[in-house]
Amino acid sequence: MQNFEFRKHMVVETNFKDNGGKKGGESSTDFSGDVAVPKGENNKIVIFRQEFKLGKPGESVYMCLKTHTVFEYTGNKTEVDLVKAQEECYPVAVRKLYETIKNVTEAYGMPIIDLTTA
């Protein structure tokens, strides 16, 4: 990354429910996210907020994982360049999310979801 430095990746919320019942078959998955630039003078922080859902709350297994991946803009412009943030930071943020999904599913004793090799 030329214009940004990775600062931290954190899980801000996780929910897991095993409602019993028959396991197996297919579950739905959903990814969503956005980019936030906190307001403030000379702010150089960019936060990629991401959410991953496996299943739905009423299904036999449900997991929701929300993460924030934080970067600092090191470019020479006075404001954060969001186009460059998407180009440079998004792939790193997604990789961090995939690593977290793998770790969380393993910790919950679920079949491990490893998207890092996809």
C-alpha atoms as a PDB file:
ATOM      1  CA  MET A   1       0.000   0.000   0.000  1.00  0.00           C
ATOM      2  CA  GLN A   2       1.489   3.292  -1.070  1.00  0.00           C
ATOM      3  CA  ASN A   3      -0.880   5.804   0.525  1.00  0.00           C
ATOM      4  CA  PHE A   4      -2.155   3.945   3.598  1.00  0.00           C
ATOM      5  CA  GLU A   5      -0.848   2.027   6.591  1.00  0.00           C
ATOM      6  CA  PHE A   6      -2.780  -0.761   8.257  1.00  0.00           C
ATOM      7  CA  ARG A   7      -3.454   0.101  11.920  1.00  0.00           C
ATOM      8  CA  LYS A   8      -5.755  -2.576  13.370  1.00  0.00           C
ATOM      9  CA  HIS A   9      -8.509  -5.068  12.742  1.00  0.00           C
ATOM     10  CA  MET A  10     -11.122  -5.755  15.396  1.00  0.00           C
ATOM     11  CA  VAL A  11     -14.307  -7.683  15.933  1.00  0.00           C
ATOM     12  CA  VAL A  12     -16.940  -5.262  17.183  1.00  0.00           C
ATOM     13  CA  GLU A  13     -19.804  -7.749  17.428  1.00  0.00           C
ATOM     14  CA  THR A  14     -20.336 -11.457  17.051  1.00  0.00           C
ATOM     15  CA  ASN A  15     -23.464 -13.537  17.514  1.00  0.00           C
ATOM     16  CA  PHE A  16     -23.778 -17.275  17.262  1.00  0.00           C
ATOM     17  CA  LYS A  17     -26.887 -19.351  17.808  1.00  0.00           C
ATOM     18  CA  ASP A  18     -27.241 -23.085  17.513  1.00  0.00           C
ATOM     19  CA  ASN A  19     -31.002 -23.583  17.624  1.00  0.00           C
ATOM     20  CA  GLY A  20     -30.643 -27.343  17.572  1.00  0.00           C
ATOM     21  CA  GLY A  21     -32.463 -29.247  14.940  1.00  0.00           C
ATOM     22  CA  LYS A  22     -31.109 -30.878  11.872  1.00  0.00           C
ATOM     23  CA  LYS A  23     -27.863 -29.530  10.540  1.00  0.00           C
ATOM     24  CA  GLY A  24     -26.745 -29.894   6.981  1.00  0.00           C
ATOM     25  CA  GLY A  25     -27.885 -28.655   3.673  1.00  0.00           C
ATOM     26  CA  GLU A  26     -27.176 -25.175   2.458  1.00  0.00           C
ATOM     27  CA  SER A  27     -27.191 -21.963   4.443  1.00  0.00           C
ATOM     28  CA  SER A  28     -27.420 -18.477   3.081  1.00  0.00           C
ATOM     29  CA  THR A  29     -24.506 -16.087   3.435  1.00  0.00           C
ATOM     30  CA  ASP A  30     -24.462 -12.320   3.187  1.00  0.00           C
ATOM     31  CA  PHE A  31     -21.606  -9.811   3.083  1.00  0.00           C
ATOM     32  CA  SER A  32     -22.097  -6.090   3.457  1.00  0.00           C
ATOM     33  CA  GLY A  33     -20.010  -3.116   4.431  1.00  0.00           C
ATOM     34  CA  ASP A  34     -19.124   0.502   4.060  1.00  0.00           C
ATOM     35  CA  VAL A  35     -16.277   2.939   4.496  1.00  0.00           C
ATOM     36  CA  ALA A  36     -16.200   5.581   7.214  1.00  0.00           C
ATOM     37  CA  VAL A  37     -13.944   8.584   7.551  1.00  0.00           C
ATOM     38  CA  PRO A  38     -14.412  10.052  11.035  1.00  0.00           C
ATOM     39  CA  LYS A  39     -14.956  13.800  10.999  1.00  0.00           C
ATOM     40  CA  GLY A  40     -12.264  15.996  12.411  1.00  0.00           C
ATOM     41  CA  GLU A  41      -9.621  18.420  11.409  1.00  0.00           C
ATOM     42  CA  ASN A  42      -6.627  16.734   9.805  1.00  0.00           C
ATOM     43  CA  ASN A  43      -8.225  13.331  10.238  1.00  0.00           C
ATOM     44  CA  LYS A  44      -6.369  10.690   8.262  1.00  0.00           C
ATOM     45  CA  ILE A  45      -8.229   7.580   9.469  1.00  0.00           C
ATOM     46  CA  VAL A  46     -10.292   5.306   7.209  1.00  0.00           C
ATOM     47  CA  ILE A  47     -12.446   2.524   8.691  1.00  0.00           C
ATOM     48  CA  PHE A  48     -13.791  -0.361   6.628  1.00  0.00           C
ATOM     49  CA  ARG A  49     -16.881  -1.657   8.457  1.00  0.00           C
ATOM     50  CA  GLN A  50     -17.884  -5.133   7.342  1.00  0.00           C
ATOM     51  CA  GLU A  51     -20.604  -7.588   8.273  1.00  0.00           C
ATOM     52  CA  PHE A  52     -20.814 -11.305   7.502  1.00  0.00           C
ATOM     53  CA  LYS A  53     -23.935 -13.367   8.130  1.00  0.00           C
ATOM     54  CA  LEU A  54     -24.276 -17.118   7.887  1.00  0.00           C
ATOM     55  CA  GLY A  55     -27.863 -18.346   7.910  1.00  0.00           C
ATOM     56  CA  LYS A  56     -30.794 -16.420   9.314  1.00  0.00           C
ATOM     57  CA  PRO A  57     -31.837 -15.979  12.957  1.00  0.00           C
ATOM     58  CA  GLY A  58     -34.586 -18.627  12.702  1.00  0.00           C
ATOM     59  CA  GLU A  59     -32.413 -21.279  11.040  1.00  0.00           C
ATOM     60  CA  SER A  60     -30.697 -24.090  12.912  1.00  0.00           C
ATOM     61  CA  VAL A  61     -27.318 -22.317  12.867  1.00  0.00           C
ATOM     62  CA  TYR A  62     -26.867 -18.571  12.670  1.00  0.00           C
ATOM     63  CA  MET A  63     -23.721 -16.463  12.905  1.00  0.00           C
ATOM     64  CA  CYS A  64     -23.282 -12.714  12.510  1.00  0.00           C
ATOM     65  CA  LEU A  65     -19.831 -11.141  12.594  1.00  0.00           C
ATOM     66  CA  LYS A  66     -19.101  -7.409  12.413  1.00  0.00           C
ATOM     67  CA  THR A  67     -15.557  -6.098  12.035  1.00  0.00           C
ATOM     68  CA  HIS A  68     -13.750  -2.797  11.667  1.00  0.00           C
ATOM     69  CA  THR A  69     -10.447  -2.581   9.810  1.00  0.00           C
ATOM     70  CA  VAL A  70      -8.596   0.688  10.380  1.00  0.00           C
ATOM     71  CA  PHE A  71      -6.060   2.350   8.100  1.00  0.00           C
ATOM     72  CA  GLU A  72      -4.199   5.655   8.281  1.00  0.00           C
ATOM     73  CA  TYR A  73      -3.814   7.798   5.190  1.00  0.00           C
ATOM     74  CA  THR A  74      -0.155   8.657   4.596  1.00  0.00           C
ATOM     75  CA  GLY A  75      -0.560  10.363   1.201  1.00  0.00           C
ATOM     76  CA  ASN A  76       0.327  13.972   0.561  1.00  0.00           C
ATOM     77  CA  LYS A  77      -3.219  15.327   0.033  1.00  0.00           C
ATOM     78  CA  THR A  78      -4.934  17.157   2.884  1.00  0.00           C
ATOM     79  CA  GLU A  79      -8.019  14.913   2.682  1.00  0.00           C
ATOM     80  CA  VAL A  80      -8.322  11.159   2.497  1.00  0.00           C
ATOM     81  CA  ASP A  81      -8.668   9.924  -1.082  1.00  0.00           C
ATOM     82  CA  LEU A  82     -11.554   7.419  -0.914  1.00  0.00           C
ATOM     83  CA  VAL A  83     -10.883   6.055  -4.403  1.00  0.00           C
ATOM     84  CA  LYS A  84      -7.334   5.170  -3.382  1.00  0.00           C
ATOM     85  CA  ALA A  85      -8.649   3.792  -0.084  1.00  0.00           C
ATOM     86  CA  GLN A  86     -10.921   1.406  -1.989  1.00  0.00           C
ATOM     87  CA  GLU A  87      -8.100   0.339  -4.305  1.00  0.00           C
ATOM     88  CA  GLU A  88      -5.417  -0.117  -1.668  1.00  0.00           C
ATOM     89  CA  CYS A  89      -7.224  -0.964   1.569  1.00  0.00           C
ATOM     90  CA  TYR A  90     -10.302  -2.956   0.558  1.00  0.00           C
ATOM     91  CA  PRO A  91      -8.371  -6.123  -0.413  1.00  0.00           C
ATOM     92  CA  VAL A  92      -6.564  -6.043   2.944  1.00  0.00           C
ATOM     93  CA  ALA A  93      -9.822  -5.474   4.847  1.00  0.00           C
ATOM     94  CA  VAL A  94     -11.486  -8.409   3.080  1.00  0.00           C
ATOM     95  CA  ARG A  95      -8.500 -10.673   3.777  1.00  0.00           C
ATOM     96  CA  LYS A  96      -8.649  -9.729   7.479  1.00  0.00           C
ATOM     97  CA  LEU A  97     -12.389 -10.465   7.532  1.00  0.00           C
ATOM     98  CA  TYR A  98     -11.829 -13.876   5.911  1.00  0.00           C
ATOM     99  CA  GLU A  99      -9.139 -14.723   8.474  1.00  0.00           C
ATOM    100  CA  THR A 100     -11.511 -13.705  11.264  1.00  0.00           C
ATOM    101  CA  ILE A 101     -14.367 -15.825   9.859  1.00  0.00           C
ATOM    102  CA  LYS A 102     -12.043 -18.830   9.818  1.00  0.00           C
ATOM    103  CA  ASN A 103     -10.889 -18.220  13.406  1.00  0.00           C
ATOM    104  CA  VAL A 104     -14.388 -17.584  14.767  1.00  0.00           C
ATOM    105  CA  THR A 105     -15.962 -20.650  13.134  1.00  0.00           C
ATOM    106  CA  GLU A 106     -13.136 -22.766  14.499  1.00  0.00           C
ATOM    107  CA  ALA A 107     -13.537 -21.273  17.993  1.00  0.00           C
ATOM    108  CA  TYR A 108     -17.306 -21.926  17.965  1.00  0.00           C
ATOM    109  CA  GLY A 109     -16.719 -25.570  17.024  1.00  0.00           C
ATOM    110  CA  MET A 110     -18.458 -25.144  13.668  1.00  0.00           C
ATOM    111  CA  PRO A 111     -17.180 -26.597  10.437  1.00  0.00           C
ATOM    112  CA  ILE A 112     -14.386 -24.179   9.575  1.00  0.00           C
ATOM    113  CA  ILE A 113     -15.243 -21.666   6.887  1.00  0.00           C
ATOM    114  CA  ASP A 114     -11.992 -20.877   5.118  1.00  0.00           C
ATOM    115  CA  LEU A 115     -12.457 -18.201   2.472  1.00  0.00           C
ATOM    116  CA  THR A 116      -8.766 -17.279   2.469  1.00  0.00           C
ATOM    117  CA  THR A 117      -8.078 -19.877  -0.224  1.00  0.00           C
ATOM    118  CA  ALA A 118     -10.984 -18.823  -2.458  1.00  0.00           C
END
